Amino acid sequence: MAELNKKILLVDDDKFLVDMYTLKFKSASFEIMSAFSGEDALEKIKNGYTPDAILFDVIMPGLSGLEFLEAIRKGNLAPNASYIVLSNQGQNSDIEAAKKLGIDGYIVKANTIPSEVLEQVQEILKRKNI
């Protein structure tokens, strides 16, 4: 039996990257919604979008990715989602700060091609469902 389409919320201010990852995830039968800021993503979740995974950049205008995650956690807005950082910020301090907020994965964009990002997200979602 085919699994239901998983829902992804992709939060990044880089329109080119959002478009590229949207195509990649859609081709793998994911339902994907994009947001170009943390505020936009929070609004979508507050309006009832319930993603299975949230991929977000750390550096964004307005709310940073970690501030966005803190707001989600404080409001218990998407309690069942997997939280995955997708960023070029690969320093240990960034990774540790994100881990303290309870992320499920940390992917460094510069070191990962889109098909590998897709595989890692699928793996994280599989682990969470076991």
N, C-alpha and C. Protein backbone atom coordinates (compact mmCIF):
# COMPACT_ATOMS: atom_id res chain seq x y z
N MET A 1 0.84 -1.19 0.00
CA MET A 1 0.00 0.00 0.00
C MET A 1 0.88 1.25 0.00
N ALA A 2 0.60 2.17 -0.87
CA ALA A 2 1.41 3.39 -0.97
C ALA A 2 1.15 4.27 0.25
N GLU A 3 2.22 4.88 0.75
CA GLU A 3 2.03 5.76 1.91
C GLU A 3 1.42 7.07 1.44
N LEU A 4 0.69 7.70 2.34
CA LEU A 4 0.07 8.98 2.01
C LEU A 4 1.15 10.01 1.73
N ASN A 5 0.84 10.96 0.88
CA ASN A 5 1.80 12.02 0.57
C ASN A 5 2.15 12.78 1.83
N LYS A 6 3.43 12.88 2.09
CA LYS A 6 3.89 13.64 3.24
C LYS A 6 3.89 15.12 2.89
N LYS A 7 3.59 15.95 3.89
CA LYS A 7 3.52 17.39 3.68
C LYS A 7 4.77 18.06 4.22
N ILE A 8 5.38 18.88 3.37
CA ILE A 8 6.61 19.59 3.72
C ILE A 8 6.33 21.09 3.70
N LEU A 9 6.83 21.79 4.71
CA LEU A 9 6.83 23.25 4.69
C LEU A 9 8.29 23.66 4.54
N LEU A 10 8.60 24.35 3.45
CA LEU A 10 9.96 24.78 3.16
C LEU A 10 10.05 26.29 3.39
N VAL A 11 10.94 26.68 4.30
CA VAL A 11 11.05 28.08 4.68
C VAL A 11 12.45 28.58 4.33
N ASP A 12 12.52 29.43 3.31
CA ASP A 12 13.81 29.96 2.86
C ASP A 12 13.53 31.24 2.07
N ASP A 13 14.39 32.23 2.23
CA ASP A 13 14.17 33.49 1.52
C ASP A 13 14.79 33.48 0.12
N ASP A 14 15.42 32.38 -0.28
CA ASP A 14 16.03 32.25 -1.61
C ASP A 14 15.03 31.60 -2.56
N LYS A 15 14.41 32.42 -3.41
CA LYS A 15 13.35 31.93 -4.30
C LYS A 15 13.86 30.83 -5.24
N PHE A 16 15.07 30.97 -5.75
CA PHE A 16 15.63 29.95 -6.65
C PHE A 16 15.70 28.59 -5.94
N LEU A 17 16.22 28.59 -4.72
CA LEU A 17 16.32 27.34 -3.96
C LEU A 17 14.94 26.76 -3.65
N VAL A 18 14.02 27.63 -3.26
CA VAL A 18 12.66 27.16 -2.95
C VAL A 18 12.06 26.49 -4.19
N ASP A 19 12.19 27.14 -5.35
CA ASP A 19 11.65 26.56 -6.59
C ASP A 19 12.31 25.21 -6.90
N MET A 20 13.63 25.14 -6.75
CA MET A 20 14.35 23.90 -7.05
C MET A 20 13.92 22.76 -6.12
N TYR A 21 13.87 23.03 -4.82
CA TYR A 21 13.47 21.99 -3.88
C TYR A 21 11.99 21.63 -4.01
N THR A 22 11.16 22.60 -4.38
CA THR A 22 9.75 22.31 -4.61
C THR A 22 9.60 21.28 -5.72
N LEU A 23 10.30 21.48 -6.83
CA LEU A 23 10.25 20.51 -7.94
C LEU A 23 10.76 19.14 -7.49
N LYS A 24 11.86 19.13 -6.74
CA LYS A 24 12.47 17.87 -6.30
C LYS A 24 11.51 17.09 -5.40
N PHE A 25 10.90 17.76 -4.43
CA PHE A 25 9.99 17.07 -3.50
C PHE A 25 8.69 16.66 -4.18
N LYS A 26 8.16 17.51 -5.07
CA LYS A 26 6.94 17.15 -5.80
C LYS A 26 7.17 15.92 -6.67
N SER A 27 8.35 15.81 -7.28
CA SER A 27 8.64 14.65 -8.14
C SER A 27 8.70 13.36 -7.32
N ALA A 28 8.89 13.49 -6.01
CA ALA A 28 8.90 12.32 -5.11
C ALA A 28 7.56 12.18 -4.37
N SER A 29 6.52 12.80 -4.90
CA SER A 29 5.14 12.70 -4.38
C SER A 29 4.94 13.35 -3.01
N PHE A 30 5.74 14.34 -2.69
CA PHE A 30 5.49 15.12 -1.48
C PHE A 30 4.57 16.27 -1.83
N GLU A 31 3.74 16.66 -0.86
CA GLU A 31 2.99 17.90 -0.99
C GLU A 31 3.88 18.95 -0.35
N ILE A 32 4.14 20.03 -1.05
CA ILE A 32 5.07 21.02 -0.50
C ILE A 32 4.46 22.41 -0.52
N MET A 33 4.65 23.12 0.58
CA MET A 33 4.23 24.51 0.67
C MET A 33 5.48 25.31 1.02
N SER A 34 5.62 26.46 0.40
CA SER A 34 6.80 27.26 0.68
C SER A 34 6.42 28.54 1.40
N ALA A 35 7.40 29.03 2.15
CA ALA A 35 7.27 30.33 2.82
C ALA A 35 8.63 31.01 2.68
N PHE A 36 8.61 32.31 2.44
CA PHE A 36 9.87 33.03 2.22
C PHE A 36 10.38 33.75 3.46
N SER A 37 9.70 33.54 4.60
CA SER A 37 10.16 34.12 5.87
C SER A 37 9.58 33.30 7.02
N GLY A 38 10.19 33.46 8.19
CA GLY A 38 9.68 32.78 9.37
C GLY A 38 8.27 33.24 9.72
N GLU A 39 8.03 34.54 9.55
CA GLU A 39 6.70 35.08 9.85
C GLU A 39 5.64 34.46 8.93
N ASP A 40 5.98 34.36 7.65
CA ASP A 40 5.08 33.77 6.65
C ASP A 40 4.79 32.31 7.01
N ALA A 41 5.83 31.58 7.40
CA ALA A 41 5.66 30.17 7.76
C ALA A 41 4.78 30.02 9.00
N LEU A 42 5.01 30.87 10.01
CA LEU A 42 4.18 30.83 11.22
C LEU A 42 2.72 31.07 10.89
N GLU A 43 2.47 32.04 10.00
CA GLU A 43 1.10 32.36 9.59
C GLU A 43 0.43 31.15 8.93
N LYS A 44 1.15 30.46 8.06
CA LYS A 44 0.60 29.28 7.38
C LYS A 44 0.24 28.18 8.38
N ILE A 45 1.10 27.98 9.37
CA ILE A 45 0.83 26.95 10.38
C ILE A 45 -0.34 27.37 11.26
N LYS A 46 -0.37 28.63 11.67
CA LYS A 46 -1.48 29.12 12.50
C LYS A 46 -2.81 29.05 11.74
N ASN A 47 -2.75 29.13 10.41
CA ASN A 47 -3.96 29.04 9.59
C ASN A 47 -4.34 27.61 9.25
N GLY A 48 -3.68 26.65 9.90
CA GLY A 48 -4.13 25.26 9.77
C GLY A 48 -3.28 24.33 8.93
N TYR A 49 -2.18 24.81 8.35
CA TYR A 49 -1.32 23.89 7.60
C TYR A 49 -0.56 23.01 8.59
N THR A 50 -0.66 21.70 8.43
CA THR A 50 -0.01 20.77 9.36
C THR A 50 1.03 19.93 8.63
N PRO A 51 2.26 20.44 8.55
CA PRO A 51 3.30 19.71 7.83
C PRO A 51 3.83 18.51 8.61
N ASP A 52 4.31 17.51 7.86
CA ASP A 52 4.99 16.37 8.48
C ASP A 52 6.44 16.73 8.76
N ALA A 53 6.98 17.63 7.94
CA ALA A 53 8.35 18.10 8.14
C ALA A 53 8.43 19.58 7.78
N ILE A 54 9.27 20.29 8.53
CA ILE A 54 9.53 21.69 8.25
C ILE A 54 11.02 21.82 7.99
N LEU A 55 11.36 22.23 6.77
CA LEU A 55 12.75 22.50 6.42
C LEU A 55 12.91 24.00 6.45
N PHE A 56 13.92 24.47 7.16
CA PHE A 56 14.07 25.92 7.27
C PHE A 56 15.53 26.34 7.32
N ASP A 57 15.77 27.53 6.75
CA ASP A 57 17.10 28.12 6.75
C ASP A 57 17.31 28.80 8.10
N VAL A 58 18.58 28.99 8.48
CA VAL A 58 18.88 29.68 9.73
C VAL A 58 18.87 31.19 9.50
N ILE A 59 19.50 31.64 8.41
CA ILE A 59 19.63 33.07 8.12
C ILE A 59 18.50 33.51 7.20
N MET A 60 17.58 34.31 7.75
CA MET A 60 16.47 34.85 6.97
C MET A 60 16.17 36.25 7.49
N PRO A 61 15.61 37.11 6.64
CA PRO A 61 15.22 38.44 7.14
C PRO A 61 14.08 38.30 8.15
N GLY A 62 14.01 39.23 9.08
CA GLY A 62 12.96 39.14 10.11
C GLY A 62 13.34 38.05 11.10
N LEU A 63 12.43 37.13 11.32
CA LEU A 63 12.71 36.02 12.23
C LEU A 63 13.79 35.12 11.65
N SER A 64 14.83 34.82 12.42
CA SER A 64 15.81 33.84 11.95
C SER A 64 15.17 32.46 12.04
N GLY A 65 15.80 31.48 11.44
CA GLY A 65 15.27 30.12 11.50
C GLY A 65 15.13 29.61 12.93
N LEU A 66 16.12 29.94 13.77
CA LEU A 66 16.05 29.46 15.16
C LEU A 66 14.97 30.20 15.95
N GLU A 67 14.78 31.48 15.66
CA GLU A 67 13.69 32.23 16.31
C GLU A 67 12.34 31.67 15.86
N PHE A 68 12.24 31.32 14.58
CA PHE A 68 11.03 30.69 14.04
C PHE A 68 10.76 29.38 14.79
N LEU A 69 11.79 28.56 14.95
CA LEU A 69 11.63 27.28 15.65
C LEU A 69 11.22 27.50 17.11
N GLU A 70 11.83 28.48 17.77
CA GLU A 70 11.45 28.80 19.15
C GLU A 70 9.97 29.18 19.23
N ALA A 71 9.50 29.99 18.28
CA ALA A 71 8.10 30.42 18.27
C ALA A 71 7.17 29.22 18.07
N ILE A 72 7.56 28.31 17.20
CA ILE A 72 6.75 27.10 16.95
C ILE A 72 6.68 26.25 18.22
N ARG A 73 7.84 26.08 18.86
CA ARG A 73 7.92 25.27 20.09
C ARG A 73 7.09 25.91 21.21
N LYS A 74 7.26 27.21 21.41
CA LYS A 74 6.53 27.91 22.49
C LYS A 74 5.03 27.80 22.30
N GLY A 75 4.59 27.93 21.04
CA GLY A 75 3.16 27.88 20.76
C GLY A 75 2.64 26.47 20.54
N ASN A 76 3.52 25.47 20.61
CA ASN A 76 3.15 24.07 20.35
C ASN A 76 2.33 23.98 19.05
N LEU A 77 2.84 24.65 17.99
CA LEU A 77 2.07 24.82 16.77
C LEU A 77 2.11 23.63 15.82
N ALA A 78 3.22 22.93 15.77
CA ALA A 78 3.32 21.77 14.86
C ALA A 78 4.02 20.65 15.63
N PRO A 79 3.34 20.12 16.66
CA PRO A 79 4.02 19.20 17.57
C PRO A 79 4.47 17.88 16.93
N ASN A 80 3.84 17.47 15.84
CA ASN A 80 4.18 16.19 15.24
C ASN A 80 5.15 16.30 14.06
N ALA A 81 5.54 17.52 13.73
CA ALA A 81 6.42 17.72 12.57
C ALA A 81 7.86 17.37 12.91
N SER A 82 8.60 16.96 11.88
CA SER A 82 10.06 16.83 11.99
C SER A 82 10.64 18.19 11.63
N TYR A 83 11.63 18.63 12.40
CA TYR A 83 12.25 19.94 12.17
C TYR A 83 13.64 19.72 11.61
N ILE A 84 13.87 20.24 10.40
CA ILE A 84 15.13 20.00 9.71
C ILE A 84 15.71 21.33 9.24
N VAL A 85 16.91 21.64 9.72
CA VAL A 85 17.59 22.85 9.27
C VAL A 85 18.20 22.55 7.90
N LEU A 86 18.00 23.47 6.96
CA LEU A 86 18.60 23.39 5.62
C LEU A 86 19.29 24.73 5.40
N SER A 87 20.59 24.77 5.69
CA SER A 87 21.28 26.05 5.76
C SER A 87 22.72 25.94 5.28
N ASN A 88 23.30 27.06 4.95
CA ASN A 88 24.74 27.09 4.68
C ASN A 88 25.53 27.36 5.95
N GLN A 89 24.84 27.59 7.05
CA GLN A 89 25.51 27.81 8.33
C GLN A 89 25.87 26.45 8.92
N GLY A 90 27.11 26.04 8.73
CA GLY A 90 27.50 24.70 9.17
C GLY A 90 28.44 24.67 10.34
N GLN A 91 28.64 25.82 11.00
CA GLN A 91 29.54 25.86 12.15
C GLN A 91 28.94 25.07 13.31
N ASN A 92 29.82 24.49 14.12
CA ASN A 92 29.35 23.70 15.27
C ASN A 92 28.43 24.50 16.18
N SER A 93 28.73 25.80 16.35
CA SER A 93 27.89 26.62 17.24
C SER A 93 26.46 26.71 16.71
N ASP A 94 26.31 26.82 15.38
CA ASP A 94 24.96 26.87 14.78
C ASP A 94 24.24 25.54 14.97
N ILE A 95 24.97 24.46 14.73
CA ILE A 95 24.38 23.12 14.85
C ILE A 95 23.97 22.85 16.30
N GLU A 96 24.84 23.21 17.25
CA GLU A 96 24.53 23.00 18.67
C GLU A 96 23.31 23.83 19.10
N ALA A 97 23.24 25.08 18.64
CA ALA A 97 22.10 25.94 18.99
C ALA A 97 20.80 25.32 18.47
N ALA A 98 20.84 24.79 17.26
CA ALA A 98 19.65 24.15 16.69
C ALA A 98 19.30 22.87 17.43
N LYS A 99 20.31 22.09 17.80
CA LYS A 99 20.06 20.83 18.53
C LYS A 99 19.39 21.10 19.88
N LYS A 100 19.77 22.19 20.52
CA LYS A 100 19.17 22.55 21.81
C LYS A 100 17.67 22.81 21.66
N LEU A 101 17.25 23.19 20.46
CA LEU A 101 15.83 23.45 20.20
C LEU A 101 15.11 22.19 19.70
N GLY A 102 15.81 21.07 19.68
CA GLY A 102 15.15 19.81 19.36
C GLY A 102 14.92 19.54 17.89
N ILE A 103 15.93 19.81 17.06
CA ILE A 103 15.77 19.52 15.63
C ILE A 103 15.93 18.02 15.38
N ASP A 104 15.42 17.57 14.25
CA ASP A 104 15.53 16.16 13.85
C ASP A 104 16.65 15.95 12.84
N GLY A 105 17.13 17.04 12.23
CA GLY A 105 18.20 16.92 11.26
C GLY A 105 18.80 18.28 10.94
N TYR A 106 20.04 18.26 10.45
CA TYR A 106 20.73 19.49 10.07
C TYR A 106 21.46 19.21 8.78
N ILE A 107 21.05 19.86 7.70
CA ILE A 107 21.64 19.64 6.38
C ILE A 107 22.32 20.93 5.93
N VAL A 108 23.60 20.82 5.57
CA VAL A 108 24.34 21.97 5.06
C VAL A 108 24.17 22.00 3.55
N LYS A 109 23.50 23.05 3.06
CA LYS A 109 23.17 23.16 1.62
C LYS A 109 24.39 23.03 0.73
N ALA A 110 25.48 23.70 1.10
CA ALA A 110 26.66 23.75 0.24
C ALA A 110 27.29 22.37 0.05
N ASN A 111 27.05 21.46 0.98
CA ASN A 111 27.66 20.13 0.92
C ASN A 111 26.71 19.06 0.39
N THR A 112 25.50 19.44 0.00
CA THR A 112 24.47 18.46 -0.29
C THR A 112 23.73 18.82 -1.57
N ILE A 113 23.64 17.86 -2.50
CA ILE A 113 22.85 18.11 -3.72
C ILE A 113 21.38 17.84 -3.41
N PRO A 114 20.46 18.42 -4.20
CA PRO A 114 19.03 18.28 -3.90
C PRO A 114 18.55 16.84 -3.72
N SER A 115 19.03 15.90 -4.51
CA SER A 115 18.57 14.52 -4.34
C SER A 115 19.01 13.95 -2.99
N GLU A 116 20.17 14.38 -2.48
CA GLU A 116 20.63 13.94 -1.16
C GLU A 116 19.77 14.57 -0.06
N VAL A 117 19.38 15.83 -0.26
CA VAL A 117 18.48 16.49 0.70
C VAL A 117 17.18 15.70 0.78
N LEU A 118 16.62 15.35 -0.37
CA LEU A 118 15.39 14.56 -0.42
C LEU A 118 15.57 13.23 0.32
N GLU A 119 16.67 12.53 0.07
CA GLU A 119 16.93 11.25 0.74
C GLU A 119 17.02 11.42 2.25
N GLN A 120 17.73 12.47 2.69
CA GLN A 120 17.87 12.70 4.13
C GLN A 120 16.53 13.01 4.78
N VAL A 121 15.71 13.80 4.12
CA VAL A 121 14.38 14.12 4.65
C VAL A 121 13.54 12.84 4.74
N GLN A 122 13.57 12.03 3.70
CA GLN A 122 12.82 10.76 3.71
C GLN A 122 13.28 9.87 4.86
N GLU A 123 14.60 9.82 5.08
CA GLU A 123 15.16 9.00 6.16
C GLU A 123 14.71 9.51 7.53
N ILE A 124 14.74 10.82 7.72
CA ILE A 124 14.31 11.42 9.00
C ILE A 124 12.84 11.12 9.24
N LEU A 125 12.00 11.25 8.21
CA LEU A 125 10.57 10.97 8.35
C LEU A 125 10.34 9.48 8.65
N LYS A 126 11.10 8.60 8.02
CA LYS A 126 10.98 7.17 8.29
C LYS A 126 11.32 6.86 9.75
N ARG A 127 12.43 7.44 10.23
CA ARG A 127 12.87 7.21 11.62
C ARG A 127 11.80 7.68 12.58
N LYS A 128 11.19 8.81 12.29
CA LYS A 128 10.20 9.39 13.19
C LYS A 128 8.94 8.51 13.25
N ASN A 129 8.63 7.83 12.15
CA ASN A 129 7.42 7.01 12.10
C ASN A 129 7.60 5.61 12.68
N ILE A 130 8.84 5.23 13.00
CA ILE A 130 9.08 3.87 13.53
C ILE A 130 8.71 3.83 14.99
